[in-house]
Amino acid sequence: MENESNKNYCPAHEAFKVLANKWSLMIIKELSSEKMRFNAIKKKIDGISSRELSKRLEVLEQIGAINRKIISIKPIMVEYSLTEAGKELTDAIEILHDWTIKNKKNIKHIEKLVRA
C-alpha cells in the first residue's frame, strides 16, 4: 500500500488494483441483481476456475464489497450478496461503463499504443 503522506497518493489507485481484474467486475455484476451461491456464480461467469472465483470472492469480501453468509453447515452452503458499499460500487461501475461506450473509439485507439 502506498504511503498516504506521499503527495502522489491516490486512494482510488488501491481500488483500481482490485477492480482491474476482469473477474471482480463480472462477479459484482452478477451479484448486483440477486444473492447467489458459489456454483451459481461459477455457472454465470464463463471461463472462471473455482480457484480464481474463490480468490476473487475472498478479496471482494475483504474490501467490503460483498457479504459471505453461511446458510447451512451440513452440507455447507454459502450465499454471497453485495454490501451497501458493493451496491454503491455498481453505480460507479455503471457510470464507467457508460463513459466507455461513449468513448469507445478513443479507447480502441489508445489500447494499441498501450500494448506497444
PDB file of N, CA and C in Angstrom:
ATOM      1  N   MET A   1       0.838  -1.174   0.000  1.00  0.00           N
ATOM      2  CA  MET A   1       0.000   0.000   0.000  1.00  0.00           C
ATOM      3  C   MET A   1       0.880   1.233   0.000  1.00  0.00           C
ATOM      4  N   GLU A   2       0.456   2.242  -0.752  1.00  0.00           N
ATOM      5  CA  GLU A   2       1.235   3.449  -0.843  1.00  0.00           C
ATOM      6  C   GLU A   2       1.058   4.284   0.412  1.00  0.00           C
ATOM      7  N   ASN A   3       2.055   5.102   0.697  1.00  0.00           N
ATOM      8  CA  ASN A   3       2.036   5.965   1.852  1.00  0.00           C
ATOM      9  C   ASN A   3       1.087   7.135   1.592  1.00  0.00           C
ATOM     10  N   GLU A   4       0.112   7.347   2.477  1.00  0.00           N
ATOM     11  CA  GLU A   4      -0.856   8.415   2.288  1.00  0.00           C
ATOM     12  C   GLU A   4      -0.231   9.791   2.388  1.00  0.00           C
ATOM     13  N   SER A   5       0.936   9.908   3.016  1.00  0.00           N
ATOM     14  CA  SER A   5       1.592  11.201   3.113  1.00  0.00           C
ATOM     15  C   SER A   5       2.292  11.579   1.807  1.00  0.00           C
ATOM     16  N   ASN A   6       2.444  10.634   0.907  1.00  0.00           N
ATOM     17  CA  ASN A   6       3.035  10.886  -0.405  1.00  0.00           C
ATOM     18  C   ASN A   6       2.090  11.786  -1.189  1.00  0.00           C
ATOM     19  N   LYS A   7       2.608  12.899  -1.733  1.00  0.00           N
ATOM     20  CA  LYS A   7       1.737  13.847  -2.439  1.00  0.00           C
ATOM     21  C   LYS A   7       1.136  13.247  -3.709  1.00  0.00           C
ATOM     22  N   ASN A   8       1.696  12.149  -4.223  1.00  0.00           N
ATOM     23  CA  ASN A   8       1.162  11.486  -5.405  1.00  0.00           C
ATOM     24  C   ASN A   8       0.159  10.387  -5.065  1.00  0.00           C
ATOM     25  N   TYR A   9      -0.122  10.200  -3.780  1.00  0.00           N
ATOM     26  CA  TYR A   9      -1.033   9.142  -3.345  1.00  0.00           C
ATOM     27  C   TYR A   9      -2.452   9.414  -3.841  1.00  0.00           C
ATOM     28  N   CYS A  10      -3.081   8.389  -4.372  1.00  0.00           N
ATOM     29  CA  CYS A  10      -4.466   8.476  -4.824  1.00  0.00           C
ATOM     30  C   CYS A  10      -5.208   7.269  -4.266  1.00  0.00           C
ATOM     31  N   PRO A  11      -6.171   7.478  -3.374  1.00  0.00           N
ATOM     32  CA  PRO A  11      -6.882   6.336  -2.783  1.00  0.00           C
ATOM     33  C   PRO A  11      -7.579   5.464  -3.823  1.00  0.00           C
ATOM     34  N   ALA A  12      -8.032   6.056  -4.911  1.00  0.00           N
ATOM     35  CA  ALA A  12      -8.714   5.279  -5.953  1.00  0.00           C
ATOM     36  C   ALA A  12      -7.768   4.272  -6.597  1.00  0.00           C
ATOM     37  N   HIS A  13      -6.474   4.559  -6.570  1.00  0.00           N
ATOM     38  CA  HIS A  13      -5.489   3.640  -7.157  1.00  0.00           C
ATOM     39  C   HIS A  13      -5.574   2.265  -6.495  1.00  0.00           C
ATOM     40  N   GLU A  14      -5.744   2.242  -5.191  1.00  0.00           N
ATOM     41  CA  GLU A  14      -5.850   0.972  -4.458  1.00  0.00           C
ATOM     42  C   GLU A  14      -7.093   0.200  -4.903  1.00  0.00           C
ATOM     43  N   ALA A  15      -8.208   0.899  -5.064  1.00  0.00           N
ATOM     44  CA  ALA A  15      -9.446   0.242  -5.513  1.00  0.00           C
ATOM     45  C   ALA A  15      -9.283  -0.291  -6.929  1.00  0.00           C
ATOM     46  N   PHE A  16      -8.649   0.490  -7.801  1.00  0.00           N
ATOM     47  CA  PHE A  16      -8.470   0.051  -9.183  1.00  0.00           C
ATOM     48  C   PHE A  16      -7.596  -1.195  -9.274  1.00  0.00           C
ATOM     49  N   LYS A  17      -6.642  -1.331  -8.357  1.00  0.00           N
ATOM     50  CA  LYS A  17      -5.804  -2.540  -8.358  1.00  0.00           C
ATOM     51  C   LYS A  17      -6.674  -3.786  -8.171  1.00  0.00           C
ATOM     52  N   VAL A  18      -7.664  -3.691  -7.310  1.00  0.00           N
ATOM     53  CA  VAL A  18      -8.554  -4.829  -7.040  1.00  0.00           C
ATOM     54  C   VAL A  18      -9.541  -5.003  -8.185  1.00  0.00           C
ATOM     55  N   LEU A  19     -10.123  -3.925  -8.641  1.00  0.00           N
ATOM     56  CA  LEU A  19     -11.201  -3.990  -9.621  1.00  0.00           C
ATOM     57  C   LEU A  19     -10.713  -4.183 -11.049  1.00  0.00           C
ATOM     58  N   ALA A  20      -9.428  -3.960 -11.298  1.00  0.00           N
ATOM     59  CA  ALA A  20      -8.899  -4.114 -12.652  1.00  0.00           C
ATOM     60  C   ALA A  20      -8.959  -5.574 -13.107  1.00  0.00           C
ATOM     61  N   ASN A  21      -9.047  -6.475 -12.181  1.00  0.00           N
ATOM     62  CA  ASN A  21      -9.183  -7.888 -12.523  1.00  0.00           C
ATOM     63  C   ASN A  21     -10.548  -8.103 -13.164  1.00  0.00           C
ATOM     64  N   LYS A  22     -10.571  -8.674 -14.371  1.00  0.00           N
ATOM     65  CA  LYS A  22     -11.849  -8.817 -15.088  1.00  0.00           C
ATOM     66  C   LYS A  22     -12.874  -9.628 -14.311  1.00  0.00           C
ATOM     67  N   TRP A  23     -12.436 -10.561 -13.528  1.00  0.00           N
ATOM     68  CA  TRP A  23     -13.374 -11.403 -12.796  1.00  0.00           C
ATOM     69  C   TRP A  23     -14.105 -10.613 -11.720  1.00  0.00           C
ATOM     70  N   SER A  24     -13.417  -9.696 -11.071  1.00  0.00           N
ATOM     71  CA  SER A  24     -14.043  -8.914  -9.998  1.00  0.00           C
ATOM     72  C   SER A  24     -15.260  -8.164 -10.511  1.00  0.00           C
ATOM     73  N   LEU A  25     -15.112  -7.513 -11.646  1.00  0.00           N
ATOM     74  CA  LEU A  25     -16.235  -6.761 -12.205  1.00  0.00           C
ATOM     75  C   LEU A  25     -17.385  -7.682 -12.602  1.00  0.00           C
ATOM     76  N   MET A  26     -17.058  -8.843 -13.138  1.00  0.00           N
ATOM     77  CA  MET A  26     -18.104  -9.794 -13.529  1.00  0.00           C
ATOM     78  C   MET A  26     -18.855 -10.328 -12.312  1.00  0.00           C
ATOM     79  N   ILE A  27     -18.136 -10.601 -11.252  1.00  0.00           N
ATOM     80  CA  ILE A  27     -18.765 -11.096 -10.016  1.00  0.00           C
ATOM     81  C   ILE A  27     -19.703 -10.038  -9.455  1.00  0.00           C
ATOM     82  N   ILE A  28     -19.228  -8.803  -9.391  1.00  0.00           N
ATOM     83  CA  ILE A  28     -20.066  -7.718  -8.878  1.00  0.00           C
ATOM     84  C   ILE A  28     -21.312  -7.565  -9.745  1.00  0.00           C
ATOM     85  N   LYS A  29     -21.147  -7.654 -11.051  1.00  0.00           N
ATOM     86  CA  LYS A  29     -22.289  -7.553 -11.970  1.00  0.00           C
ATOM     87  C   LYS A  29     -23.317  -8.640 -11.672  1.00  0.00           C
ATOM     88  N   GLU A  30     -22.857  -9.876 -11.515  1.00  0.00           N
ATOM     89  CA  GLU A  30     -23.783 -10.982 -11.260  1.00  0.00           C
ATOM     90  C   GLU A  30     -24.498 -10.824  -9.923  1.00  0.00           C
ATOM     91  N   LEU A  31     -23.798 -10.350  -8.923  1.00  0.00           N
ATOM     92  CA  LEU A  31     -24.400 -10.200  -7.598  1.00  0.00           C
ATOM     93  C   LEU A  31     -25.273  -8.953  -7.484  1.00  0.00           C
ATOM     94  N   SER A  32     -25.219  -8.090  -8.487  1.00  0.00           N
ATOM     95  CA  SER A  32     -26.000  -6.847  -8.416  1.00  0.00           C
ATOM     96  C   SER A  32     -27.504  -7.105  -8.502  1.00  0.00           C
ATOM     97  N   SER A  33     -27.889  -8.233  -9.074  1.00  0.00           N
ATOM     98  CA  SER A  33     -29.315  -8.499  -9.237  1.00  0.00           C
ATOM     99  C   SER A  33     -29.890  -9.460  -8.194  1.00  0.00           C
ATOM    100  N   GLU A  34     -29.023 -10.272  -7.584  1.00  0.00           N
ATOM    101  CA  GLU A  34     -29.545 -11.248  -6.611  1.00  0.00           C
ATOM    102  C   GLU A  34     -28.429 -11.862  -5.774  1.00  0.00           C
ATOM    103  N   LYS A  35     -28.823 -12.451  -4.644  1.00  0.00           N
ATOM    104  CA  LYS A  35     -27.908 -13.241  -3.834  1.00  0.00           C
ATOM    105  C   LYS A  35     -27.642 -14.528  -4.581  1.00  0.00           C
ATOM    106  N   MET A  36     -26.417 -15.031  -4.484  1.00  0.00           N
ATOM    107  CA  MET A  36     -26.102 -16.256  -5.219  1.00  0.00           C
ATOM    108  C   MET A  36     -25.159 -17.132  -4.413  1.00  0.00           C
ATOM    109  N   ARG A  37     -25.220 -18.418  -4.708  1.00  0.00           N
ATOM    110  CA  ARG A  37     -24.273 -19.364  -4.134  1.00  0.00           C
ATOM    111  C   ARG A  37     -23.109 -19.534  -5.091  1.00  0.00           C
ATOM    112  N   PHE A  38     -22.033 -20.104  -4.588  1.00  0.00           N
ATOM    113  CA  PHE A  38     -20.773 -20.239  -5.330  1.00  0.00           C
ATOM    114  C   PHE A  38     -20.976 -20.845  -6.715  1.00  0.00           C
ATOM    115  N   ASN A  39     -21.616 -22.016  -6.776  1.00  0.00           N
ATOM    116  CA  ASN A  39     -21.777 -22.708  -8.064  1.00  0.00           C
ATOM    117  C   ASN A  39     -22.651 -21.927  -9.045  1.00  0.00           C
ATOM    118  N   ALA A  40     -23.614 -21.186  -8.535  1.00  0.00           N
ATOM    119  CA  ALA A  40     -24.459 -20.369  -9.411  1.00  0.00           C
ATOM    120  C   ALA A  40     -23.627 -19.243 -10.034  1.00  0.00           C
ATOM    121  N   ILE A  41     -22.761 -18.637  -9.243  1.00  0.00           N
ATOM    122  CA  ILE A  41     -21.877 -17.586  -9.775  1.00  0.00           C
ATOM    123  C   ILE A  41     -20.961 -18.190 -10.824  1.00  0.00           C
ATOM    124  N   LYS A  42     -20.386 -19.342 -10.511  1.00  0.00           N
ATOM    125  CA  LYS A  42     -19.450 -20.001 -11.430  1.00  0.00           C
ATOM    126  C   LYS A  42     -20.121 -20.325 -12.766  1.00  0.00           C
ATOM    127  N   LYS A  43     -21.358 -20.768 -12.724  1.00  0.00           N
ATOM    128  CA  LYS A  43     -22.087 -21.086 -13.963  1.00  0.00           C
ATOM    129  C   LYS A  43     -22.354 -19.843 -14.806  1.00  0.00           C
ATOM    130  N   LYS A  44     -22.560 -18.716 -14.153  1.00  0.00           N
ATOM    131  CA  LYS A  44     -22.878 -17.472 -14.863  1.00  0.00           C
ATOM    132  C   LYS A  44     -21.648 -16.837 -15.511  1.00  0.00           C
ATOM    133  N   ILE A  45     -20.460 -17.105 -14.950  1.00  0.00           N
ATOM    134  CA  ILE A  45     -19.236 -16.460 -15.439  1.00  0.00           C
ATOM    135  C   ILE A  45     -18.418 -17.473 -16.223  1.00  0.00           C
ATOM    136  N   ASP A  46     -18.546 -17.407 -17.514  1.00  0.00           N
ATOM    137  CA  ASP A  46     -17.875 -18.342 -18.409  1.00  0.00           C
ATOM    138  C   ASP A  46     -16.350 -18.202 -18.316  1.00  0.00           C
ATOM    139  N   GLY A  47     -15.678 -19.317 -18.062  1.00  0.00           N
ATOM    140  CA  GLY A  47     -14.224 -19.348 -18.092  1.00  0.00           C
ATOM    141  C   GLY A  47     -13.521 -19.177 -16.759  1.00  0.00           C
ATOM    142  N   ILE A  48     -14.237 -18.838 -15.701  1.00  0.00           N
ATOM    143  CA  ILE A  48     -13.576 -18.660 -14.406  1.00  0.00           C
ATOM    144  C   ILE A  48     -13.408 -20.024 -13.726  1.00  0.00           C
ATOM    145  N   SER A  49     -12.230 -20.261 -13.169  1.00  0.00           N
ATOM    146  CA  SER A  49     -11.988 -21.513 -12.450  1.00  0.00           C
ATOM    147  C   SER A  49     -12.522 -21.379 -11.026  1.00  0.00           C
ATOM    148  N   SER A  50     -12.752 -22.503 -10.378  1.00  0.00           N
ATOM    149  CA  SER A  50     -13.213 -22.495  -8.984  1.00  0.00           C
ATOM    150  C   SER A  50     -12.200 -21.787  -8.095  1.00  0.00           C
ATOM    151  N   ARG A  51     -10.937 -22.044  -8.346  1.00  0.00           N
ATOM    152  CA  ARG A  51      -9.879 -21.427  -7.531  1.00  0.00           C
ATOM    153  C   ARG A  51      -9.884 -19.903  -7.681  1.00  0.00           C
ATOM    154  N   GLU A  52      -9.997 -19.426  -8.925  1.00  0.00           N
ATOM    155  CA  GLU A  52      -9.999 -17.982  -9.173  1.00  0.00           C
ATOM    156  C   GLU A  52     -11.249 -17.337  -8.585  1.00  0.00           C
ATOM    157  N   LEU A  53     -12.390 -17.993  -8.730  1.00  0.00           N
ATOM    158  CA  LEU A  53     -13.629 -17.455  -8.161  1.00  0.00           C
ATOM    159  C   LEU A  53     -13.511 -17.352  -6.648  1.00  0.00           C
ATOM    160  N   SER A  54     -12.990 -18.375  -6.028  1.00  0.00           N
ATOM    161  CA  SER A  54     -12.814 -18.366  -4.580  1.00  0.00           C
ATOM    162  C   SER A  54     -11.905 -17.218  -4.143  1.00  0.00           C
ATOM    163  N   LYS A  55     -10.816 -17.036  -4.860  1.00  0.00           N
ATOM    164  CA  LYS A  55      -9.855 -15.970  -4.552  1.00  0.00           C
ATOM    165  C   LYS A  55     -10.498 -14.593  -4.708  1.00  0.00           C
ATOM    166  N   ARG A  56     -11.204 -14.384  -5.813  1.00  0.00           N
ATOM    167  CA  ARG A  56     -11.856 -13.084  -6.080  1.00  0.00           C
ATOM    168  C   ARG A  56     -12.934 -12.796  -5.044  1.00  0.00           C
ATOM    169  N   LEU A  57     -13.725 -13.814  -4.671  1.00  0.00           N
ATOM    170  CA  LEU A  57     -14.762 -13.614  -3.663  1.00  0.00           C
ATOM    171  C   LEU A  57     -14.138 -13.208  -2.324  1.00  0.00           C
ATOM    172  N   GLU A  58     -13.038 -13.837  -1.985  1.00  0.00           N
ATOM    173  CA  GLU A  58     -12.350 -13.507  -0.730  1.00  0.00           C
ATOM    174  C   GLU A  58     -11.863 -12.056  -0.741  1.00  0.00           C
ATOM    175  N   VAL A  59     -11.264 -11.632  -1.837  1.00  0.00           N
ATOM    176  CA  VAL A  59     -10.763 -10.256  -1.945  1.00  0.00           C
ATOM    177  C   VAL A  59     -11.923  -9.263  -1.879  1.00  0.00           C
ATOM    178  N   LEU A  60     -12.995  -9.538  -2.599  1.00  0.00           N
ATOM    179  CA  LEU A  60     -14.151  -8.633  -2.593  1.00  0.00           C
ATOM    180  C   LEU A  60     -14.807  -8.571  -1.216  1.00  0.00           C
ATOM    181  N   GLU A  61     -14.762  -9.671  -0.496  1.00  0.00           N
ATOM    182  CA  GLU A  61     -15.266  -9.660   0.883  1.00  0.00           C
ATOM    183  C   GLU A  61     -14.355  -8.810   1.764  1.00  0.00           C
ATOM    184  N   GLN A  62     -13.047  -8.952   1.604  1.00  0.00           N
ATOM    185  CA  GLN A  62     -12.089  -8.200   2.415  1.00  0.00           C
ATOM    186  C   GLN A  62     -12.198  -6.687   2.209  1.00  0.00           C
ATOM    187  N   ILE A  63     -12.524  -6.257   0.987  1.00  0.00           N
ATOM    188  CA  ILE A  63     -12.649  -4.814   0.752  1.00  0.00           C
ATOM    189  C   ILE A  63     -14.042  -4.295   1.101  1.00  0.00           C
ATOM    190  N   GLY A  64     -14.916  -5.185   1.526  1.00  0.00           N
ATOM    191  CA  GLY A  64     -16.242  -4.767   1.975  1.00  0.00           C
ATOM    192  C   GLY A  64     -17.280  -4.633   0.886  1.00  0.00           C
ATOM    193  N   ALA A  65     -17.033  -5.238  -0.282  1.00  0.00           N
ATOM    194  CA  ALA A  65     -17.977  -5.138  -1.396  1.00  0.00           C
ATOM    195  C   ALA A  65     -19.043  -6.231  -1.357  1.00  0.00           C
ATOM    196  N   ILE A  66     -18.702  -7.389  -0.773  1.00  0.00           N
ATOM    197  CA  ILE A  66     -19.678  -8.479  -0.717  1.00  0.00           C
ATOM    198  C   ILE A  66     -19.764  -9.065   0.690  1.00  0.00           C
ATOM    199  N   ASN A  67     -20.916  -9.663   0.961  1.00  0.00           N
ATOM    200  CA  ASN A  67     -21.144 -10.425   2.196  1.00  0.00           C
ATOM    201  C   ASN A  67     -21.042 -11.902   1.871  1.00  0.00           C
ATOM    202  N   ARG A  68     -20.505 -12.652   2.796  1.00  0.00           N
ATOM    203  CA  ARG A  68     -20.462 -14.111   2.698  1.00  0.00           C
ATOM    204  C   ARG A  68     -21.245 -14.638   3.886  1.00  0.00           C
ATOM    205  N   LYS A  69     -22.344 -15.337   3.607  1.00  0.00           N
ATOM    206  CA  LYS A  69     -23.217 -15.829   4.676  1.00  0.00           C
ATOM    207  C   LYS A  69     -23.320 -17.341   4.592  1.00  0.00           C
ATOM    208  N   ILE A  70     -22.973 -18.017   5.683  1.00  0.00           N
ATOM    209  CA  ILE A  70     -23.112 -19.474   5.749  1.00  0.00           C
ATOM    210  C   ILE A  70     -24.554 -19.777   6.094  1.00  0.00           C
ATOM    211  N   ILE A  71     -25.215 -20.512   5.201  1.00  0.00           N
ATOM    212  CA  ILE A  71     -26.628 -20.844   5.360  1.00  0.00           C
ATOM    213  C   ILE A  71     -26.784 -22.162   6.107  1.00  0.00           C
ATOM    214  N   SER A  72     -25.933 -23.125   5.763  1.00  0.00           N
ATOM    215  CA  SER A  72     -26.035 -24.462   6.325  1.00  0.00           C
ATOM    216  C   SER A  72     -24.638 -25.045   6.500  1.00  0.00           C
ATOM    217  N   ILE A  73     -24.445 -25.790   7.568  1.00  0.00           N
ATOM    218  CA  ILE A  73     -23.145 -26.409   7.830  1.00  0.00           C
ATOM    219  C   ILE A  73     -23.031 -27.753   7.117  1.00  0.00           C
ATOM    220  N   LYS A  74     -24.076 -28.587   7.186  1.00  0.00           N
ATOM    221  CA  LYS A  74     -24.034 -29.911   6.554  1.00  0.00           C
ATOM    222  C   LYS A  74     -25.205 -30.065   5.606  1.00  0.00           C
ATOM    223  N   PRO A  75     -25.024 -30.104   4.347  1.00  0.00           N
ATOM    224  CA  PRO A  75     -23.798 -29.751   3.647  1.00  0.00           C
ATOM    225  C   PRO A  75     -23.584 -28.238   3.726  1.00  0.00           C
ATOM    226  N   ILE A  76     -22.340 -27.839   3.624  1.00  0.00           N
ATOM    227  CA  ILE A  76     -22.051 -26.418   3.736  1.00  0.00           C
ATOM    228  C   ILE A  76     -22.641 -25.675   2.541  1.00  0.00           C
ATOM    229  N   MET A  77     -23.400 -24.641   2.846  1.00  0.00           N
ATOM    230  CA  MET A  77     -23.984 -23.789   1.805  1.00  0.00           C
ATOM    231  C   MET A  77     -23.660 -22.345   2.161  1.00  0.00           C
ATOM    232  N   VAL A  78     -23.070 -21.658   1.204  1.00  0.00           N
ATOM    233  CA  VAL A  78     -22.679 -20.267   1.413  1.00  0.00           C
ATOM    234  C   VAL A  78     -23.369 -19.414   0.365  1.00  0.00           C
ATOM    235  N   GLU A  79     -23.873 -18.281   0.804  1.00  0.00           N
ATOM    236  CA  GLU A  79     -24.558 -17.351  -0.089  1.00  0.00           C
ATOM    237  C   GLU A  79     -23.775 -16.036  -0.112  1.00  0.00           C
ATOM    238  N   TYR A  80     -23.642 -15.471  -1.303  1.00  0.00           N
ATOM    239  CA  TYR A  80     -22.927 -14.215  -1.477  1.00  0.00           C
ATOM    240  C   TYR A  80     -23.905 -13.144  -1.925  1.00  0.00           C
ATOM    241  N   SER A  81     -23.690 -11.932  -1.417  1.00  0.00           N
ATOM    242  CA  SER A  81     -24.517 -10.795  -1.809  1.00  0.00           C
ATOM    243  C   SER A  81     -23.675  -9.529  -1.710  1.00  0.00           C
ATOM    244  N   LEU A  82     -24.166  -8.481  -2.347  1.00  0.00           N
ATOM    245  CA  LEU A  82     -23.463  -7.205  -2.273  1.00  0.00           C
ATOM    246  C   LEU A  82     -23.778  -6.509  -0.955  1.00  0.00           C
ATOM    247  N   THR A  83     -22.787  -5.849  -0.391  1.00  0.00           N
ATOM    248  CA  THR A  83     -22.991  -4.979   0.766  1.00  0.00           C
ATOM    249  C   THR A  83     -23.503  -3.641   0.245  1.00  0.00           C
ATOM    250  N   GLU A  84     -23.798  -2.718   1.139  1.00  0.00           N
ATOM    251  CA  GLU A  84     -24.183  -1.371   0.702  1.00  0.00           C
ATOM    252  C   GLU A  84     -23.042  -0.743  -0.097  1.00  0.00           C
ATOM    253  N   ALA A  85     -21.806  -0.959   0.357  1.00  0.00           N
ATOM    254  CA  ALA A  85     -20.648  -0.434  -0.381  1.00  0.00           C
ATOM    255  C   ALA A  85     -20.555  -1.074  -1.761  1.00  0.00           C
ATOM    256  N   GLY A  86     -20.872  -2.353  -1.853  1.00  0.00           N
ATOM    257  CA  GLY A  86     -20.866  -3.050  -3.133  1.00  0.00           C
ATOM    258  C   GLY A  86     -21.932  -2.515  -4.076  1.00  0.00           C
ATOM    259  N   LYS A  87     -23.095  -2.169  -3.511  1.00  0.00           N
ATOM    260  CA  LYS A  87     -24.159  -1.585  -4.326  1.00  0.00           C
ATOM    261  C   LYS A  87     -23.748  -0.207  -4.848  1.00  0.00           C
ATOM    262  N   GLU A  88     -23.078   0.574  -4.000  1.00  0.00           N
ATOM    263  CA  GLU A  88     -22.564   1.871  -4.442  1.00  0.00           C
ATOM    264  C   GLU A  88     -21.539   1.674  -5.550  1.00  0.00           C
ATOM    265  N   LEU A  89     -20.748   0.632  -5.425  1.00  0.00           N
ATOM    266  CA  LEU A  89     -19.734   0.326  -6.429  1.00  0.00           C
ATOM    267  C   LEU A  89     -20.381  -0.007  -7.774  1.00  0.00           C
ATOM    268  N   THR A  90     -21.512  -0.689  -7.759  1.00  0.00           N
ATOM    269  CA  THR A  90     -22.184  -0.993  -9.029  1.00  0.00           C
ATOM    270  C   THR A  90     -22.625   0.287  -9.729  1.00  0.00           C
ATOM    271  N   ASP A  91     -23.012   1.291  -8.953  1.00  0.00           N
ATOM    272  CA  ASP A  91     -23.375   2.585  -9.551  1.00  0.00           C
ATOM    273  C   ASP A  91     -22.163   3.210 -10.239  1.00  0.00           C
ATOM    274  N   ALA A  92     -21.017   3.150  -9.568  1.00  0.00           N
ATOM    275  CA  ALA A  92     -19.782   3.707 -10.137  1.00  0.00           C
ATOM    276  C   ALA A  92     -19.364   2.932 -11.382  1.00  0.00           C
ATOM    277  N   ILE A  93     -19.505   1.623 -11.347  1.00  0.00           N
ATOM    278  CA  ILE A  93     -19.146   0.787 -12.494  1.00  0.00           C
ATOM    279  C   ILE A  93     -20.062   1.106 -13.676  1.00  0.00           C
ATOM    280  N   GLU A  94     -21.333   1.335 -13.391  1.00  0.00           N
ATOM    281  CA  GLU A  94     -22.288   1.683 -14.452  1.00  0.00           C
ATOM    282  C   GLU A  94     -21.907   3.005 -15.112  1.00  0.00           C
ATOM    283  N   ILE A  95     -21.477   3.979 -14.327  1.00  0.00           N
ATOM    284  CA  ILE A  95     -21.033   5.258 -14.874  1.00  0.00           C
ATOM    285  C   ILE A  95     -19.800   5.049 -15.750  1.00  0.00           C
ATOM    286  N   LEU A  96     -18.854   4.247 -15.268  1.00  0.00           N
ATOM    287  CA  LEU A  96     -17.651   3.951 -16.051  1.00  0.00           C
ATOM    288  C   LEU A  96     -18.017   3.212 -17.339  1.00  0.00           C
ATOM    289  N   HIS A  97     -18.955   2.286 -17.257  1.00  0.00           N
ATOM    290  CA  HIS A  97     -19.426   1.552 -18.433  1.00  0.00           C
ATOM    291  C   HIS A  97     -19.996   2.512 -19.469  1.00  0.00           C
ATOM    292  N   ASP A  98     -20.863   3.422 -19.017  1.00  0.00           N
ATOM    293  CA  ASP A  98     -21.476   4.388 -19.929  1.00  0.00           C
ATOM    294  C   ASP A  98     -20.413   5.280 -20.580  1.00  0.00           C
ATOM    295  N   TRP A  99     -19.446   5.712 -19.789  1.00  0.00           N
ATOM    296  CA  TRP A  99     -18.362   6.544 -20.312  1.00  0.00           C
ATOM    297  C   TRP A  99     -17.567   5.773 -21.369  1.00  0.00           C
ATOM    298  N   THR A 100     -17.311   4.507 -21.096  1.00  0.00           N
ATOM    299  CA  THR A 100     -16.559   3.670 -22.036  1.00  0.00           C
ATOM    300  C   THR A 100     -17.296   3.532 -23.363  1.00  0.00           C
ATOM    301  N   ILE A 101     -18.596   3.321 -23.303  1.00  0.00           N
ATOM    302  CA  ILE A 101     -19.396   3.196 -24.523  1.00  0.00           C
ATOM    303  C   ILE A 101     -19.331   4.501 -25.332  1.00  0.00           C
ATOM    304  N   LYS A 102     -19.467   5.632 -24.651  1.00  0.00           N
ATOM    305  CA  LYS A 102     -19.424   6.924 -25.336  1.00  0.00           C
ATOM    306  C   LYS A 102     -18.061   7.208 -25.967  1.00  0.00           C
ATOM    307  N   ASN A 103     -17.001   6.686 -25.368  1.00  0.00           N
ATOM    308  CA  ASN A 103     -15.639   6.994 -25.812  1.00  0.00           C
ATOM    309  C   ASN A 103     -14.923   5.789 -26.410  1.00  0.00           C
ATOM    310  N   LYS A 104     -15.687   4.819 -26.860  1.00  0.00           N
ATOM    311  CA  LYS A 104     -15.132   3.561 -27.357  1.00  0.00           C
ATOM    312  C   LYS A 104     -14.097   3.774 -28.452  1.00  0.00           C
ATOM    313  N   LYS A 105     -14.354   4.692 -29.355  1.00  0.00           N
ATOM    314  CA  LYS A 105     -13.444   4.932 -30.472  1.00  0.00           C
ATOM    315  C   LYS A 105     -12.058   5.379 -29.959  1.00  0.00           C
ATOM    316  N   ASN A 106     -12.032   6.291 -29.017  1.00  0.00           N
ATOM    317  CA  ASN A 106     -10.765   6.768 -28.453  1.00  0.00           C
ATOM    318  C   ASN A 106     -10.049   5.674 -27.670  1.00  0.00           C
ATOM    319  N   ILE A 107     -10.805   4.877 -26.956  1.00  0.00           N
ATOM    320  CA  ILE A 107     -10.219   3.815 -26.144  1.00  0.00           C
ATOM    321  C   ILE A 107      -9.568   2.763 -27.031  1.00  0.00           C
ATOM    322  N   LYS A 108     -10.209   2.381 -28.118  1.00  0.00           N
ATOM    323  CA  LYS A 108      -9.625   1.409 -29.049  1.00  0.00           C
ATOM    324  C   LYS A 108      -8.294   1.921 -29.593  1.00  0.00           C
ATOM    325  N   HIS A 109      -8.237   3.211 -29.921  1.00  0.00           N
ATOM    326  CA  HIS A 109      -7.014   3.815 -30.452  1.00  0.00           C
ATOM    327  C   HIS A 109      -5.892   3.767 -29.414  1.00  0.00           C
ATOM    328  N   ILE A 110      -6.196   4.144 -28.197  1.00  0.00           N
ATOM    329  CA  ILE A 110      -5.195   4.165 -27.126  1.00  0.00           C
ATOM    330  C   ILE A 110      -4.740   2.763 -26.758  1.00  0.00           C
ATOM    331  N   GLU A 111      -5.649   1.796 -26.810  1.00  0.00           N
ATOM    332  CA  GLU A 111      -5.330   0.402 -26.465  1.00  0.00           C
ATOM    333  C   GLU A 111      -4.136  -0.094 -27.283  1.00  0.00           C
ATOM    334  N   LYS A 112      -4.079   0.255 -28.562  1.00  0.00           N
ATOM    335  CA  LYS A 112      -2.977  -0.148 -29.426  1.00  0.00           C
ATOM    336  C   LYS A 112      -1.664   0.476 -28.963  1.00  0.00           C
ATOM    337  N   LEU A 113      -1.705   1.729 -28.528  1.00  0.00           N
ATOM    338  CA  LEU A 113      -0.499   2.408 -28.058  1.00  0.00           C
ATOM    339  C   LEU A 113       0.009   1.827 -26.744  1.00  0.00           C
ATOM    340  N   VAL A 114      -0.937   1.481 -25.864  1.00  0.00           N
ATOM    341  CA  VAL A 114      -0.572   0.931 -24.555  1.00  0.00           C
ATOM    342  C   VAL A 114       0.112  -0.413 -24.697  1.00  0.00           C
ATOM    343  N   ARG A 115      -0.336  -1.234 -25.623  1.00  0.00           N
ATOM    344  CA  ARG A 115       0.262  -2.565 -25.823  1.00  0.00           C
ATOM    345  C   ARG A 115       1.650  -2.490 -26.427  1.00  0.00           C
ATOM    346  N   ALA A 116       1.955  -1.445 -27.168  1.00  0.00           N
ATOM    347  CA  ALA A 116       3.238  -1.318 -27.881  1.00  0.00           C
ATOM    348  C   ALA A 116       4.404  -1.160 -26.933  1.00  0.00           C
TER     349      ALA A 116
END
